[in-house]
Amino acid sequence: MKKVTKVKIAFFRSNRGIRNKIIKWWTGSDIVHAEIILPDNSMIGISPEDSSRVRRKKANKVFEENENWTFISIDLLPEQFKLLLCFFEMTHGMKYDWSGMLLSHLTPFYVKHDRKWYCSQWIACALTYARVHPLFYNKINPGKLHDILRVRVCEKNNKILT
């Protein structure tokens, strides 16, 4: 049996700040942000609230001490984990895609800059690239990503959603 690596997808709920309120209103979900937590307790992803670039940084205790964060654990085979890290390396430093996010969600068109991302889109593409879960990642918001992964992980583990 191959050894698996556990990663967590962390989802953030917030009522604070105008950006979060707009995301909640627009998406109809209280989930406004997502990150990937690696086994070494570092997180990878992109957030407009820190560097606004794809980055890897140490996850702090805010995850453990804050009820606004929820997690979905995913088991990765060694080759999937390697592909996930390769995707991170390929996109490291790329910027937040404000214009693509806004135009894609305000118009019927999918607008995507080649080298820019928003959090849930980056995670969906990373999981697709790593052959974990194929996701149609254009126009995917954090709440939709959460719902899709919750169902897929439960199906994979033969669990019933409650």
Protein backbone atom coordinates (compact mmCIF):
# COMPACT_ATOMS: atom_id res chain seq x y z
CA MET A 1 0.00 0.00 0.00
CA LYS A 2 1.34 3.40 -0.95
CA LYS A 3 1.92 5.97 1.74
CA VAL A 4 -0.48 8.91 1.64
CA THR A 5 0.15 12.51 2.56
CA LYS A 6 -2.64 14.44 4.24
CA VAL A 7 -3.27 18.01 3.20
CA LYS A 8 -6.11 20.19 4.39
CA ILE A 9 -8.10 22.71 2.46
CA ALA A 10 -8.88 25.51 4.92
CA PHE A 11 -12.01 27.60 4.40
CA PHE A 12 -12.56 30.96 6.08
CA ARG A 13 -15.87 32.55 7.07
CA SER A 14 -16.03 36.23 7.95
CA ASN A 15 -18.47 39.10 8.34
CA ARG A 16 -15.69 41.68 8.67
CA GLY A 17 -14.58 44.00 5.90
CA ILE A 18 -16.29 45.25 2.80
CA ARG A 19 -14.54 42.73 0.51
CA ASN A 20 -15.82 39.79 2.57
CA LYS A 21 -19.32 41.23 2.71
CA ILE A 22 -19.37 41.64 -1.08
CA ILE A 23 -18.11 38.06 -1.58
CA LYS A 24 -20.78 36.71 0.78
CA TRP A 25 -23.52 38.72 -0.93
CA TRP A 26 -22.41 37.82 -4.44
CA THR A 27 -21.76 34.10 -3.90
CA GLY A 28 -24.54 33.41 -1.40
CA SER A 29 -21.99 31.62 0.79
CA ASP A 30 -20.49 32.63 4.10
CA ILE A 31 -17.13 31.16 2.99
CA VAL A 32 -14.95 33.98 1.66
CA HIS A 33 -11.43 32.53 1.40
CA ALA A 34 -9.51 29.24 1.02
CA GLU A 35 -5.93 28.00 1.53
CA ILE A 36 -4.09 24.67 1.30
CA ILE A 37 -2.39 23.55 4.52
CA LEU A 38 0.57 21.22 3.97
CA PRO A 39 1.81 18.54 6.40
CA ASP A 40 4.68 20.78 7.58
CA ASN A 41 2.04 23.30 8.75
CA SER A 42 2.80 25.73 5.95
CA MET A 43 0.05 27.12 3.79
CA ILE A 44 0.09 27.70 0.06
CA GLY A 45 -2.30 29.79 -1.96
CA ILE A 46 -3.06 33.39 -2.72
CA SER A 47 -4.73 36.06 -0.63
CA PRO A 48 -5.39 39.72 -1.35
CA GLU A 49 -4.90 40.40 2.37
CA ASP A 50 -1.19 39.66 2.51
CA SER A 51 1.18 39.65 -0.47
CA SER A 52 -1.55 39.33 -3.16
CA ARG A 53 0.71 36.74 -4.76
CA VAL A 54 0.88 32.95 -4.81
CA ARG A 55 3.05 32.23 -1.78
CA ARG A 56 3.98 29.69 0.86
CA LYS A 57 4.13 30.74 4.47
CA LYS A 58 4.00 29.23 7.91
CA ALA A 59 0.46 28.69 9.12
CA ASN A 60 0.04 30.30 12.49
CA LYS A 61 -2.14 29.34 15.43
CA VAL A 62 -5.04 31.35 14.04
CA PHE A 63 -6.22 28.13 12.38
CA GLU A 64 -6.36 26.27 15.68
CA GLU A 65 -7.85 29.08 17.72
CA ASN A 66 -10.44 30.50 15.35
CA GLU A 67 -13.87 28.98 14.79
CA ASN A 68 -14.12 30.89 11.48
CA TRP A 69 -11.87 28.27 9.83
CA THR A 70 -13.15 24.86 8.73
CA PHE A 71 -11.12 22.12 7.07
CA ILE A 72 -11.49 19.32 4.57
CA SER A 73 -8.71 16.72 4.71
CA ILE A 74 -7.55 15.12 1.49
CA ASP A 75 -5.23 12.11 1.16
CA LEU A 76 -2.67 12.44 -1.61
CA LEU A 77 -0.53 9.72 -3.11
CA PRO A 78 3.19 10.60 -3.33
CA GLU A 79 2.95 11.47 -7.03
CA GLN A 80 -0.10 13.68 -6.40
CA PHE A 81 1.67 15.54 -3.60
CA LYS A 82 4.68 16.05 -5.88
CA LEU A 83 2.42 17.44 -8.63
CA LEU A 84 0.73 19.76 -6.12
CA LEU A 85 4.12 21.16 -5.11
CA CYS A 86 5.16 21.41 -8.78
CA PHE A 87 2.03 23.45 -9.50
CA PHE A 88 2.91 25.72 -6.60
CA GLU A 89 6.45 26.19 -7.95
CA MET A 90 5.13 26.96 -11.45
CA THR A 91 2.75 29.62 -10.13
CA HIS A 92 4.79 30.96 -7.18
CA GLY A 93 4.82 34.76 -7.18
CA MET A 94 1.91 35.19 -9.59
CA LYS A 95 -0.48 37.99 -8.69
CA TYR A 96 -4.08 38.15 -7.53
CA ASP A 97 -6.52 38.38 -10.46
CA TRP A 98 -8.85 41.19 -9.39
CA SER A 99 -9.98 42.05 -12.91
CA GLY A 100 -10.53 38.41 -13.92
CA MET A 101 -12.46 37.65 -10.77
CA LEU A 102 -14.71 40.68 -11.06
CA LEU A 103 -15.31 40.52 -14.81
CA SER A 104 -15.90 36.75 -14.79
CA HIS A 105 -18.50 37.05 -12.07
CA LEU A 106 -20.18 40.22 -13.31
CA THR A 107 -20.44 39.18 -16.97
CA PRO A 108 -21.36 35.93 -18.74
CA PHE A 109 -17.75 35.67 -19.96
CA TYR A 110 -14.82 33.85 -18.40
CA VAL A 111 -11.99 36.36 -18.05
CA LYS A 112 -8.64 34.96 -16.90
CA HIS A 113 -5.18 36.43 -17.04
CA ASP A 114 -2.56 33.74 -17.82
CA ARG A 115 -0.47 34.58 -14.78
CA LYS A 116 -3.02 35.76 -12.20
CA TRP A 117 -5.33 33.88 -9.83
CA TYR A 118 -7.86 34.18 -7.03
CA CYS A 119 -7.82 31.80 -4.06
CA SER A 120 -10.45 29.20 -4.92
CA GLN A 121 -9.55 29.18 -8.61
CA TRP A 122 -5.88 28.55 -7.77
CA ILE A 123 -6.76 25.67 -5.39
CA ALA A 124 -9.17 24.07 -7.88
CA CYS A 125 -6.54 24.24 -10.61
CA ALA A 126 -3.85 22.88 -8.25
CA LEU A 127 -6.03 19.90 -7.31
CA THR A 128 -6.85 19.28 -10.97
CA TYR A 129 -3.18 19.51 -11.98
CA ALA A 130 -2.23 17.09 -9.18
CA ARG A 131 -4.91 14.66 -10.42
CA VAL A 132 -6.66 14.74 -7.05
CA HIS A 133 -10.08 16.03 -8.07
CA PRO A 134 -10.82 17.24 -11.59
CA LEU A 135 -12.63 20.53 -11.14
CA PHE A 136 -14.11 22.96 -13.60
CA TYR A 137 -12.30 25.85 -12.01
CA ASN A 138 -13.37 28.93 -13.91
CA LYS A 139 -15.75 31.08 -11.88
CA ILE A 140 -15.38 28.83 -8.81
CA ASN A 141 -15.80 30.71 -5.54
CA PRO A 142 -14.61 29.51 -2.10
CA GLY A 143 -18.10 28.36 -1.05
CA LYS A 144 -18.63 26.35 -4.23
CA LEU A 145 -15.16 24.80 -3.87
CA HIS A 146 -16.01 23.81 -0.29
CA ASP A 147 -19.31 22.21 -1.30
CA ILE A 148 -17.77 20.25 -4.20
CA LEU A 149 -14.84 18.97 -2.14
CA ARG A 150 -17.06 18.09 0.80
CA VAL A 151 -19.20 15.87 -1.42
CA ARG A 152 -16.24 14.30 -3.27
CA VAL A 153 -14.28 13.53 -0.11
CA CYS A 154 -17.35 11.98 1.51
CA GLU A 155 -18.02 9.90 -1.61
CA LYS A 156 -14.41 8.73 -1.70
CA ASN A 157 -14.55 7.76 1.97
CA ASN A 158 -18.02 6.21 1.63
CA LYS A 159 -19.47 8.59 4.20
CA ILE A 160 -22.94 10.02 4.33
CA LEU A 161 -23.25 13.81 4.46
CA THR A 162 -25.15 15.19 7.42
